[in-house]
PDB file of N, CA and C in Angstrom:
ATOM      1  N   MET A   1      12.970 -14.581 -10.471  1.00  0.00           N
ATOM      2  CA  MET A   1      12.458 -14.137 -11.748  1.00  0.00           C
ATOM      3  C   MET A   1      12.852 -12.668 -11.952  1.00  0.00           C
ATOM      4  N   GLU A   2      13.081 -12.305 -13.165  1.00  0.00           N
ATOM      5  CA  GLU A   2      13.558 -10.969 -13.511  1.00  0.00           C
ATOM      6  C   GLU A   2      12.506  -9.899 -13.222  1.00  0.00           C
ATOM      7  N   ILE A   3      12.976  -8.756 -12.702  1.00  0.00           N
ATOM      8  CA  ILE A   3      12.119  -7.596 -12.468  1.00  0.00           C
ATOM      9  C   ILE A   3      12.461  -6.531 -13.492  1.00  0.00           C
ATOM     10  N   ILE A   4      11.429  -6.050 -14.185  1.00  0.00           N
ATOM     11  CA  ILE A   4      11.574  -4.974 -15.162  1.00  0.00           C
ATOM     12  C   ILE A   4      10.727  -3.800 -14.680  1.00  0.00           C
ATOM     13  N   ILE A   5      11.320  -2.626 -14.611  1.00  0.00           N
ATOM     14  CA  ILE A   5      10.605  -1.411 -14.228  1.00  0.00           C
ATOM     15  C   ILE A   5      10.468  -0.551 -15.474  1.00  0.00           C
ATOM     16  N   ILE A   6       9.223  -0.275 -15.855  1.00  0.00           N
ATOM     17  CA  ILE A   6       8.973   0.499 -17.066  1.00  0.00           C
ATOM     18  C   ILE A   6       8.467   1.876 -16.668  1.00  0.00           C
ATOM     19  N   THR A   7       9.333   2.867 -16.810  1.00  0.00           N
ATOM     20  CA  THR A   7       8.985   4.236 -16.450  1.00  0.00           C
ATOM     21  C   THR A   7       9.997   5.212 -17.033  1.00  0.00           C
ATOM     22  N   ARG A   8       9.555   6.439 -17.193  1.00  0.00           N
ATOM     23  CA  ARG A   8      10.453   7.529 -17.569  1.00  0.00           C
ATOM     24  C   ARG A   8      10.690   8.447 -16.373  1.00  0.00           C
ATOM     25  N   HIS A   9      10.170   8.061 -15.208  1.00  0.00           N
ATOM     26  CA  HIS A   9      10.179   8.927 -14.033  1.00  0.00           C
ATOM     27  C   HIS A   9      11.101   8.401 -12.939  1.00  0.00           C
ATOM     28  N   GLN A  10      12.118   9.178 -12.610  1.00  0.00           N
ATOM     29  CA  GLN A  10      13.066   8.773 -11.566  1.00  0.00           C
ATOM     30  C   GLN A  10      12.372   8.634 -10.216  1.00  0.00           C
ATOM     31  N   GLY A  11      11.351   9.454  -9.963  1.00  0.00           N
ATOM     32  CA  GLY A  11      10.615   9.339  -8.711  1.00  0.00           C
ATOM     33  C   GLY A  11       9.997   7.972  -8.529  1.00  0.00           C
ATOM     34  N   MET A  12       9.505   7.386  -9.614  1.00  0.00           N
ATOM     35  CA  MET A  12       8.933   6.034  -9.562  1.00  0.00           C
ATOM     36  C   MET A  12      10.010   5.015  -9.207  1.00  0.00           C
ATOM     37  N   VAL A  13      11.173   5.142  -9.828  1.00  0.00           N
ATOM     38  CA  VAL A  13      12.289   4.238  -9.529  1.00  0.00           C
ATOM     39  C   VAL A  13      12.664   4.360  -8.058  1.00  0.00           C
ATOM     40  N   ASN A  14      12.725   5.589  -7.556  1.00  0.00           N
ATOM     41  CA  ASN A  14      13.078   5.817  -6.154  1.00  0.00           C
ATOM     42  C   ASN A  14      11.998   5.272  -5.211  1.00  0.00           C
ATOM     43  N   TYR A  15      10.730   5.466  -5.571  1.00  0.00           N
ATOM     44  CA  TYR A  15       9.634   4.949  -4.759  1.00  0.00           C
ATOM     45  C   TYR A  15       9.719   3.425  -4.663  1.00  0.00           C
ATOM     46  N   LEU A  16       9.903   2.769  -5.792  1.00  0.00           N
ATOM     47  CA  LEU A  16       9.999   1.309  -5.788  1.00  0.00           C
ATOM     48  C   LEU A  16      11.207   0.837  -4.981  1.00  0.00           C
ATOM     49  N   ALA A  17      12.337   1.521  -5.135  1.00  0.00           N
ATOM     50  CA  ALA A  17      13.538   1.147  -4.379  1.00  0.00           C
ATOM     51  C   ALA A  17      13.289   1.256  -2.876  1.00  0.00           C
ATOM     52  N   ALA A  18      12.542   2.278  -2.471  1.00  0.00           N
ATOM     53  CA  ALA A  18      12.213   2.435  -1.048  1.00  0.00           C
ATOM     54  C   ALA A  18      11.325   1.295  -0.554  1.00  0.00           C
ATOM     55  N   GLN A  19      10.621   0.639  -1.469  1.00  0.00           N
ATOM     56  CA  GLN A  19       9.788  -0.515  -1.133  1.00  0.00           C
ATOM     57  C   GLN A  19      10.566  -1.821  -1.272  1.00  0.00           C
ATOM     58  N   GLY A  20      11.866  -1.730  -1.603  1.00  0.00           N
ATOM     59  CA  GLY A  20      12.701  -2.919  -1.752  1.00  0.00           C
ATOM     60  C   GLY A  20      12.645  -3.547  -3.127  1.00  0.00           C
ATOM     61  N   ILE A  21      12.143  -2.801  -4.119  1.00  0.00           N
ATOM     62  CA  ILE A  21      11.998  -3.336  -5.477  1.00  0.00           C
ATOM     63  C   ILE A  21      12.997  -2.648  -6.398  1.00  0.00           C
ATOM     64  N   THR A  22      13.895  -3.435  -6.957  1.00  0.00           N
ATOM     65  CA  THR A  22      14.871  -2.925  -7.911  1.00  0.00           C
ATOM     66  C   THR A  22      14.933  -3.881  -9.093  1.00  0.00           C
ATOM     67  N   GLY A  23      15.392  -3.372 -10.210  1.00  0.00           N
ATOM     68  CA  GLY A  23      15.520  -4.201 -11.399  1.00  0.00           C
ATOM     69  C   GLY A  23      15.944  -3.351 -12.572  1.00  0.00           C
ATOM     70  N   GLN A  24      15.897  -3.947 -13.739  1.00  0.00           N
ATOM     71  CA  GLN A  24      16.254  -3.231 -14.952  1.00  0.00           C
ATOM     72  C   GLN A  24      15.184  -2.172 -15.230  1.00  0.00           C
ATOM     73  N   VAL A  25      15.623  -0.942 -15.489  1.00  0.00           N
ATOM     74  CA  VAL A  25      14.701   0.161 -15.772  1.00  0.00           C
ATOM     75  C   VAL A  25      14.759   0.477 -17.255  1.00  0.00           C
ATOM     76  N   ILE A  26      13.579   0.487 -17.895  1.00  0.00           N
ATOM     77  CA  ILE A  26      13.490   0.870 -19.303  1.00  0.00           C
ATOM     78  C   ILE A  26      12.365   1.889 -19.456  1.00  0.00           C
ATOM     79  N   ALA A  27      12.508   2.782 -20.417  1.00  0.00           N
ATOM     80  CA  ALA A  27      11.508   3.831 -20.636  1.00  0.00           C
ATOM     81  C   ALA A  27      10.274   3.299 -21.353  1.00  0.00           C
ATOM     82  N   HIS A  28      10.464   2.360 -22.246  1.00  0.00           N
ATOM     83  CA  HIS A  28       9.349   1.748 -22.964  1.00  0.00           C
ATOM     84  C   HIS A  28       9.784   0.374 -23.489  1.00  0.00           C
ATOM     85  N   VAL A  29       8.812  -0.440 -23.795  1.00  0.00           N
ATOM     86  CA  VAL A  29       9.090  -1.788 -24.303  1.00  0.00           C
ATOM     87  C   VAL A  29       9.261  -1.703 -25.812  1.00  0.00           C
ATOM     88  N   SER A  30      10.416  -2.135 -26.291  1.00  0.00           N
ATOM     89  CA  SER A  30      10.666  -2.099 -27.735  1.00  0.00           C
ATOM     90  C   SER A  30      10.550  -3.478 -28.380  1.00  0.00           C
ATOM     91  N   ALA A  31      10.512  -4.530 -27.545  1.00  0.00           N
ATOM     92  CA  ALA A  31      10.365  -5.903 -28.060  1.00  0.00           C
ATOM     93  C   ALA A  31       9.667  -6.748 -26.995  1.00  0.00           C
ATOM     94  N   PRO A  32       8.741  -7.606 -27.396  1.00  0.00           N
ATOM     95  CA  PRO A  32       8.007  -8.433 -26.435  1.00  0.00           C
ATOM     96  C   PRO A  32       8.893  -9.244 -25.497  1.00  0.00           C
ATOM     97  N   ASP A  33      10.047  -9.685 -25.977  1.00  0.00           N
ATOM     98  CA  ASP A  33      10.922 -10.496 -25.135  1.00  0.00           C
ATOM     99  C   ASP A  33      11.450  -9.739 -23.918  1.00  0.00           C
ATOM    100  N   GLN A  34      11.369  -8.411 -23.926  1.00  0.00           N
ATOM    101  CA  GLN A  34      11.813  -7.636 -22.765  1.00  0.00           C
ATOM    102  C   GLN A  34      10.947  -7.910 -21.538  1.00  0.00           C
ATOM    103  N   VAL A  35       9.683  -8.278 -21.729  1.00  0.00           N
ATOM    104  CA  VAL A  35       8.783  -8.489 -20.603  1.00  0.00           C
ATOM    105  C   VAL A  35       8.337  -9.938 -20.443  1.00  0.00           C
ATOM    106  N   ARG A  36       8.602 -10.758 -21.423  1.00  0.00           N
ATOM    107  CA  ARG A  36       8.129 -12.155 -21.390  1.00  0.00           C
ATOM    108  C   ARG A  36       8.642 -12.863 -20.133  1.00  0.00           C
ATOM    109  N   GLY A  37       7.705 -13.342 -19.304  1.00  0.00           N
ATOM    110  CA  GLY A  37       8.051 -14.098 -18.110  1.00  0.00           C
ATOM    111  C   GLY A  37       8.573 -13.270 -16.943  1.00  0.00           C
ATOM    112  N   ALA A  38       8.647 -11.970 -17.087  1.00  0.00           N
ATOM    113  CA  ALA A  38       9.211 -11.102 -16.045  1.00  0.00           C
ATOM    114  C   ALA A  38       8.119 -10.553 -15.130  1.00  0.00           C
ATOM    115  N   HIS A  39       8.539 -10.092 -13.972  1.00  0.00           N
ATOM    116  CA  HIS A  39       7.663  -9.324 -13.091  1.00  0.00           C
ATOM    117  C   HIS A  39       7.861  -7.868 -13.487  1.00  0.00           C
ATOM    118  N   VAL A  40       6.809  -7.262 -14.008  1.00  0.00           N
ATOM    119  CA  VAL A  40       6.878  -5.908 -14.552  1.00  0.00           C
ATOM    120  C   VAL A  40       6.239  -4.934 -13.575  1.00  0.00           C
ATOM    121  N   TYR A  41       6.898  -3.807 -13.366  1.00  0.00           N
ATOM    122  CA  TYR A  41       6.361  -2.698 -12.575  1.00  0.00           C
ATOM    123  C   TYR A  41       6.236  -1.517 -13.516  1.00  0.00           C
ATOM    124  N   GLY A  42       5.012  -1.013 -13.664  1.00  0.00           N
ATOM    125  CA  GLY A  42       4.758   0.101 -14.571  1.00  0.00           C
ATOM    126  C   GLY A  42       3.556  -0.200 -15.437  1.00  0.00           C
ATOM    127  N   ALA A  43       3.227   0.731 -16.292  1.00  0.00           N
ATOM    128  CA  ALA A  43       2.058   0.585 -17.168  1.00  0.00           C
ATOM    129  C   ALA A  43       2.505   0.121 -18.552  1.00  0.00           C
ATOM    130  N   ILE A  44       1.887  -0.967 -19.005  1.00  0.00           N
ATOM    131  CA  ILE A  44       2.172  -1.465 -20.350  1.00  0.00           C
ATOM    132  C   ILE A  44       0.859  -1.885 -21.006  1.00  0.00           C
ATOM    133  N   PRO A  45       0.832  -1.928 -22.328  1.00  0.00           N
ATOM    134  CA  PRO A  45      -0.379  -2.367 -23.031  1.00  0.00           C
ATOM    135  C   PRO A  45      -0.729  -3.814 -22.675  1.00  0.00           C
ATOM    136  N   LEU A  46      -2.005  -4.132 -22.750  1.00  0.00           N
ATOM    137  CA  LEU A  46      -2.477  -5.460 -22.367  1.00  0.00           C
ATOM    138  C   LEU A  46      -1.823  -6.591 -23.153  1.00  0.00           C
ATOM    139  N   HIS A  47      -1.569  -6.381 -24.455  1.00  0.00           N
ATOM    140  CA  HIS A  47      -0.969  -7.469 -25.240  1.00  0.00           C
ATOM    141  C   HIS A  47       0.434  -7.805 -24.740  1.00  0.00           C
ATOM    142  N   LEU A  48       1.125  -6.837 -24.149  1.00  0.00           N
ATOM    143  CA  LEU A  48       2.435  -7.100 -23.559  1.00  0.00           C
ATOM    144  C   LEU A  48       2.293  -7.604 -22.126  1.00  0.00           C
ATOM    145  N   ALA A  49       1.316  -7.080 -21.391  1.00  0.00           N
ATOM    146  CA  ALA A  49       1.080  -7.531 -20.017  1.00  0.00           C
ATOM    147  C   ALA A  49       0.776  -9.021 -19.985  1.00  0.00           C
ATOM    148  N   ALA A  50       0.107  -9.522 -21.018  1.00  0.00           N
ATOM    149  CA  ALA A  50      -0.230 -10.946 -21.079  1.00  0.00           C
ATOM    150  C   ALA A  50       1.016 -11.827 -21.208  1.00  0.00           C
ATOM    151  N   LEU A  51       2.128 -11.277 -21.618  1.00  0.00           N
ATOM    152  CA  LEU A  51       3.380 -12.035 -21.748  1.00  0.00           C
ATOM    153  C   LEU A  51       4.166 -12.081 -20.440  1.00  0.00           C
ATOM    154  N   ALA A  52       3.885 -11.132 -19.553  1.00  0.00           N
ATOM    155  CA  ALA A  52       4.623 -11.028 -18.292  1.00  0.00           C
ATOM    156  C   ALA A  52       4.075 -12.015 -17.267  1.00  0.00           C
ATOM    157  N   ALA A  53       4.914 -12.394 -16.318  1.00  0.00           N
ATOM    158  CA  ALA A  53       4.465 -13.246 -15.216  1.00  0.00           C
ATOM    159  C   ALA A  53       3.481 -12.477 -14.342  1.00  0.00           C
ATOM    160  N   SER A  54       3.746 -11.186 -14.155  1.00  0.00           N
ATOM    161  CA  SER A  54       2.843 -10.309 -13.410  1.00  0.00           C
ATOM    162  C   SER A  54       3.146  -8.873 -13.797  1.00  0.00           C
ATOM    163  N   VAL A  55       2.159  -8.020 -13.579  1.00  0.00           N
ATOM    164  CA  VAL A  55       2.326  -6.584 -13.813  1.00  0.00           C
ATOM    165  C   VAL A  55       1.814  -5.866 -12.574  1.00  0.00           C
ATOM    166  N   THR A  56       2.656  -5.035 -11.997  1.00  0.00           N
ATOM    167  CA  THR A  56       2.270  -4.262 -10.825  1.00  0.00           C
ATOM    168  C   THR A  56       2.249  -2.791 -11.204  1.00  0.00           C
ATOM    169  N   VAL A  57       1.116  -2.151 -10.944  1.00  0.00           N
ATOM    170  CA  VAL A  57       0.989  -0.726 -11.210  1.00  0.00           C
ATOM    171  C   VAL A  57       0.966   0.021  -9.886  1.00  0.00           C
ATOM    172  N   VAL A  58       1.373   1.275  -9.920  1.00  0.00           N
ATOM    173  CA  VAL A  58       1.331   2.119  -8.734  1.00  0.00           C
ATOM    174  C   VAL A  58       0.174   3.082  -8.913  1.00  0.00           C
ATOM    175  N   ASP A  59      -0.788   2.990  -8.009  1.00  0.00           N
ATOM    176  CA  ASP A  59      -1.946   3.872  -8.020  1.00  0.00           C
ATOM    177  C   ASP A  59      -1.728   4.981  -6.999  1.00  0.00           C
ATOM    178  N   MET A  60      -2.198   6.179  -7.324  1.00  0.00           N
ATOM    179  CA  MET A  60      -2.153   7.302  -6.390  1.00  0.00           C
ATOM    180  C   MET A  60      -3.555   7.915  -6.331  1.00  0.00           C
ATOM    181  N   PRO A  61      -4.410   7.376  -5.471  1.00  0.00           N
ATOM    182  CA  PRO A  61      -5.814   7.779  -5.466  1.00  0.00           C
ATOM    183  C   PRO A  61      -6.076   9.233  -5.081  1.00  0.00           C
ATOM    184  N   THR A  62      -5.165   9.859  -4.375  1.00  0.00           N
ATOM    185  CA  THR A  62      -5.412  11.244  -3.972  1.00  0.00           C
ATOM    186  C   THR A  62      -4.599  12.250  -4.779  1.00  0.00           C
ATOM    187  N   LEU A  63      -4.054  11.817  -5.903  1.00  0.00           N
ATOM    188  CA  LEU A  63      -3.281  12.726  -6.756  1.00  0.00           C
ATOM    189  C   LEU A  63      -4.223  13.745  -7.391  1.00  0.00           C
ATOM    190  N   PRO A  64      -3.994  15.045  -7.147  1.00  0.00           N
ATOM    191  CA  PRO A  64      -4.843  16.065  -7.758  1.00  0.00           C
ATOM    192  C   PRO A  64      -4.696  16.065  -9.284  1.00  0.00           C
ATOM    193  N   ALA A  65      -5.762  16.396  -9.972  1.00  0.00           N
ATOM    194  CA  ALA A  65      -5.768  16.399 -11.438  1.00  0.00           C
ATOM    195  C   ALA A  65      -4.644  17.256 -12.003  1.00  0.00           C
ATOM    196  N   GLU A  66      -4.360  18.380 -11.372  1.00  0.00           N
ATOM    197  CA  GLU A  66      -3.320  19.277 -11.898  1.00  0.00           C
ATOM    198  C   GLU A  66      -1.908  18.717 -11.748  1.00  0.00           C
ATOM    199  N   MET A  67      -1.751  17.655 -10.962  1.00  0.00           N
ATOM    200  CA  MET A  67      -0.432  17.033 -10.783  1.00  0.00           C
ATOM    201  C   MET A  67      -0.210  15.868 -11.736  1.00  0.00           C
ATOM    202  N   ARG A  68      -1.249  15.428 -12.438  1.00  0.00           N
ATOM    203  CA  ARG A  68      -1.106  14.292 -13.353  1.00  0.00           C
ATOM    204  C   ARG A  68      -0.153  14.640 -14.487  1.00  0.00           C
ATOM    205  N   GLY A  69       0.657  13.662 -14.858  1.00  0.00           N
ATOM    206  CA  GLY A  69       1.600  13.855 -15.953  1.00  0.00           C
ATOM    207  C   GLY A  69       2.880  14.561 -15.564  1.00  0.00           C
ATOM    208  N   GLN A  70       3.019  14.944 -14.302  1.00  0.00           N
ATOM    209  CA  GLN A  70       4.229  15.620 -13.842  1.00  0.00           C
ATOM    210  C   GLN A  70       5.189  14.606 -13.222  1.00  0.00           C
ATOM    211  N   ASP A  71       6.464  14.954 -13.235  1.00  0.00           N
ATOM    212  CA  ASP A  71       7.447  14.124 -12.549  1.00  0.00           C
ATOM    213  C   ASP A  71       7.291  14.358 -11.057  1.00  0.00           C
ATOM    214  N   LEU A  72       7.017  13.302 -10.330  1.00  0.00           N
ATOM    215  CA  LEU A  72       6.847  13.383  -8.889  1.00  0.00           C
ATOM    216  C   LEU A  72       8.030  12.733  -8.196  1.00  0.00           C
ATOM    217  N   THR A  73       8.333  13.199  -7.005  1.00  0.00           N
ATOM    218  CA  THR A  73       9.356  12.547  -6.200  1.00  0.00           C
ATOM    219  C   THR A  73       8.718  11.358  -5.492  1.00  0.00           C
ATOM    220  N   ALA A  74       9.552  10.494  -4.957  1.00  0.00           N
ATOM    221  CA  ALA A  74       9.048   9.359  -4.183  1.00  0.00           C
ATOM    222  C   ALA A  74       8.239   9.855  -2.990  1.00  0.00           C
ATOM    223  N   GLU A  75       8.678  10.949  -2.392  1.00  0.00           N
ATOM    224  CA  GLU A  75       7.967  11.515  -1.252  1.00  0.00           C
ATOM    225  C   GLU A  75       6.587  12.024  -1.662  1.00  0.00           C
ATOM    226  N   GLN A  76       6.491  12.675  -2.817  1.00  0.00           N
ATOM    227  CA  GLN A  76       5.192  13.135  -3.302  1.00  0.00           C
ATOM    228  C   GLN A  76       4.278  11.955  -3.610  1.00  0.00           C
ATOM    229  N   MET A  77       4.839  10.915  -4.180  1.00  0.00           N
ATOM    230  CA  MET A  77       4.041   9.729  -4.474  1.00  0.00           C
ATOM    231  C   MET A  77       3.436   9.167  -3.188  1.00  0.00           C
ATOM    232  N   THR A  78       4.233   9.098  -2.136  1.00  0.00           N
ATOM    233  CA  THR A  78       3.736   8.626  -0.850  1.00  0.00           C
ATOM    234  C   THR A  78       2.675   9.578  -0.306  1.00  0.00           C
ATOM    235  N   GLN A  79       2.925  10.870  -0.423  1.00  0.00           N
ATOM    236  CA  GLN A  79       1.976  11.885   0.036  1.00  0.00           C
ATOM    237  C   GLN A  79       0.610  11.720  -0.641  1.00  0.00           C
ATOM    238  N   TYR A  80       0.609  11.334  -1.910  1.00  0.00           N
ATOM    239  CA  TYR A  80      -0.636  11.194  -2.658  1.00  0.00           C
ATOM    240  C   TYR A  80      -1.198   9.767  -2.599  1.00  0.00           C
ATOM    241  N   GLY A  81      -0.743   9.002  -1.607  1.00  0.00           N
ATOM    242  CA  GLY A  81      -1.351   7.711  -1.327  1.00  0.00           C
ATOM    243  C   GLY A  81      -0.919   6.566  -2.220  1.00  0.00           C
ATOM    244  N   ALA A  82       0.297   6.608  -2.729  1.00  0.00           N
ATOM    245  CA  ALA A  82       0.768   5.560  -3.636  1.00  0.00           C
ATOM    246  C   ALA A  82       0.627   4.176  -3.010  1.00  0.00           C
ATOM    247  N   THR A  83       0.046   3.272  -3.787  1.00  0.00           N
ATOM    248  CA  THR A  83      -0.059   1.875  -3.398  1.00  0.00           C
ATOM    249  C   THR A  83       0.232   1.028  -4.634  1.00  0.00           C
ATOM    250  N   MET A  84       0.720  -0.167  -4.407  1.00  0.00           N
ATOM    251  CA  MET A  84       1.016  -1.059  -5.520  1.00  0.00           C
ATOM    252  C   MET A  84      -0.099  -2.092  -5.666  1.00  0.00           C
ATOM    253  N   SER A  85      -0.523  -2.302  -6.904  1.00  0.00           N
ATOM    254  CA  SER A  85      -1.566  -3.280  -7.206  1.00  0.00           C
ATOM    255  C   SER A  85      -1.043  -4.257  -8.252  1.00  0.00           C
ATOM    256  N   PRO A  86      -0.841  -5.527  -7.870  1.00  0.00           N
ATOM    257  CA  PRO A  86      -0.344  -6.519  -8.826  1.00  0.00           C
ATOM    258  C   PRO A  86      -1.489  -7.149  -9.620  1.00  0.00           C
ATOM    259  N   TYR A  87      -1.197  -7.486 -10.866  1.00  0.00           N
ATOM    260  CA  TYR A  87      -2.161  -8.123 -11.757  1.00  0.00           C
ATOM    261  C   TYR A  87      -1.487  -9.276 -12.490  1.00  0.00           C
ATOM    262  N   CYS A  88      -2.284 -10.247 -12.845  1.00  0.00           N
ATOM    263  CA  CYS A  88      -1.866 -11.318 -13.726  1.00  0.00           C
ATOM    264  C   CYS A  88      -2.797 -11.245 -14.935  1.00  0.00           C
ATOM    265  N   VAL A  89      -2.252 -10.950 -16.087  1.00  0.00           N
ATOM    266  CA  VAL A  89      -3.056 -10.739 -17.295  1.00  0.00           C
ATOM    267  C   VAL A  89      -2.834 -11.917 -18.230  1.00  0.00           C
ATOM    268  N   ARG A  90      -3.923 -12.414 -18.794  1.00  0.00           N
ATOM    269  CA  ARG A  90      -3.774 -13.475 -19.784  1.00  0.00           C
ATOM    270  C   ARG A  90      -4.681 -13.195 -20.973  1.00  0.00           C
ATOM    271  N   ARG A  91      -4.216 -13.599 -22.121  1.00  0.00           N
ATOM    272  CA  ARG A  91      -4.993 -13.462 -23.355  1.00  0.00           C
ATOM    273  C   ARG A  91      -5.998 -14.606 -23.418  1.00  0.00           C
ATOM    274  N   LEU A  92      -7.222 -14.291 -23.751  1.00  0.00           N
ATOM    275  CA  LEU A  92      -8.261 -15.332 -23.849  1.00  0.00           C
ATOM    276  C   LEU A  92      -8.336 -15.917 -25.233  1.00  0.00           C
TER     277      LEU A  92
END
């Protein structure tokens, strides 16, 4: 099944690659068909997540508030406790 990585951050792409995850990288979803049936890595709105086979987000529980919104390297992501959490979202 197709893997789509949704991010504007090269560090995220590098982090995922270090975990053995590669795929098409896009900055944002411009059409629902881009994610329909795919395994998505990144943050997307729920109405689009419901179209994907799965959505995996990367959480960094120890990321300091002042580092939020910054471009991080894969090494920094690991330093701040990056973990992947998969979800299956469906519309009710």
